[in-house]
Protein backbone atom coordinates (compact mmCIF):
# COMPACT_ATOMS: atom_id res chain seq x y z
CA MET A 1 17.76 -3.59 1.25
CA LYS A 2 18.87 -3.96 -2.35
CA VAL A 3 17.09 -1.95 -4.98
CA VAL A 4 15.57 -5.01 -6.55
CA ASP A 5 14.62 -6.38 -3.34
CA ALA A 6 12.49 -2.52 -2.59
CA LYS A 7 10.90 -3.02 -6.09
CA LYS A 8 9.68 -6.32 -5.25
CA GLN A 9 8.35 -5.02 -1.95
CA GLU A 10 6.41 -2.07 -3.53
CA ALA A 11 5.15 -4.63 -6.03
CA ARG A 12 3.64 -6.73 -3.12
CA ILE A 13 2.00 -3.97 -1.19
CA LYS A 14 0.19 -2.11 -4.47
CA LYS A 15 -1.03 -5.84 -4.96
CA ARG A 16 -1.95 -5.97 -1.31
CA CYS A 17 -3.83 -2.59 -1.00
CA THR A 18 -5.13 -2.34 -4.49
CA GLY A 19 -8.92 -2.34 -4.17
CA CYS A 20 -8.80 -2.29 -0.77
CA GLN A 21 -11.78 -0.80 1.31
CA TRP A 22 -9.32 0.86 3.71
CA ALA A 23 -6.82 2.72 1.28
CA SER A 24 -7.13 6.39 0.93
CA PRO A 25 -7.60 8.31 -1.63
CA LYS A 26 -8.65 5.74 -4.31
CA GLU A 27 -7.42 8.02 -7.00
CA PHE A 28 -3.89 8.05 -6.14
CA GLN A 29 -4.05 4.29 -6.96
CA GLU A 30 -4.02 4.60 -10.52
CA TYR A 31 -0.39 6.31 -10.39
CA ASP A 32 2.93 4.77 -9.59
CA ARG A 33 4.03 7.86 -8.47
CA LEU A 34 1.45 8.69 -6.09
CA TRP A 35 1.63 5.48 -4.07
CA PRO A 36 4.12 6.67 -1.45
CA PHE A 37 0.87 9.13 -0.69
CA VAL A 38 -1.72 6.62 -0.17
CA THR A 39 -2.58 5.80 3.42
CA CYS A 40 -4.65 2.81 5.37
CA THR A 41 -7.59 4.35 7.14
CA GLY A 42 -7.93 1.17 8.99
CA CYS A 43 -4.29 1.18 10.51
CA ALA A 44 -4.43 4.59 12.11
CA GLU A 45 -3.65 6.52 8.84
CA LYS A 46 -0.74 5.18 8.11
CA LYS A 47 1.23 4.83 4.81
CA CYS A 48 0.75 1.84 2.84
CA PHE A 49 4.46 1.25 2.40
CA GLU A 50 4.96 1.74 6.24
CA VAL A 51 2.53 -1.18 6.78
CA THR A 52 4.07 -4.79 7.40
CA ILE A 53 1.04 -6.81 7.97
CA CYS A 54 -2.64 -5.75 6.91
CA PRO A 55 -5.19 -6.54 10.04
CA TYR A 56 -7.68 -6.58 7.09
CA ARG A 57 -6.27 -8.69 4.49
CA GLU A 58 -8.88 -11.39 3.15
CA GLU A 59 -7.78 -14.60 2.58
């Protein structure tokens, strides 16, 4: 994966998970460098960057 594609993927994940009730801890979401540590409690504590399809996404 190219660097540009990775950055776009990270931006999509941040947009998807920002404000989600399952993303934890909420305090980390304000800082870009802490996003790799944000986990999804609804997906068995997987890191948000590891979740490919969010089962709790509201559409």
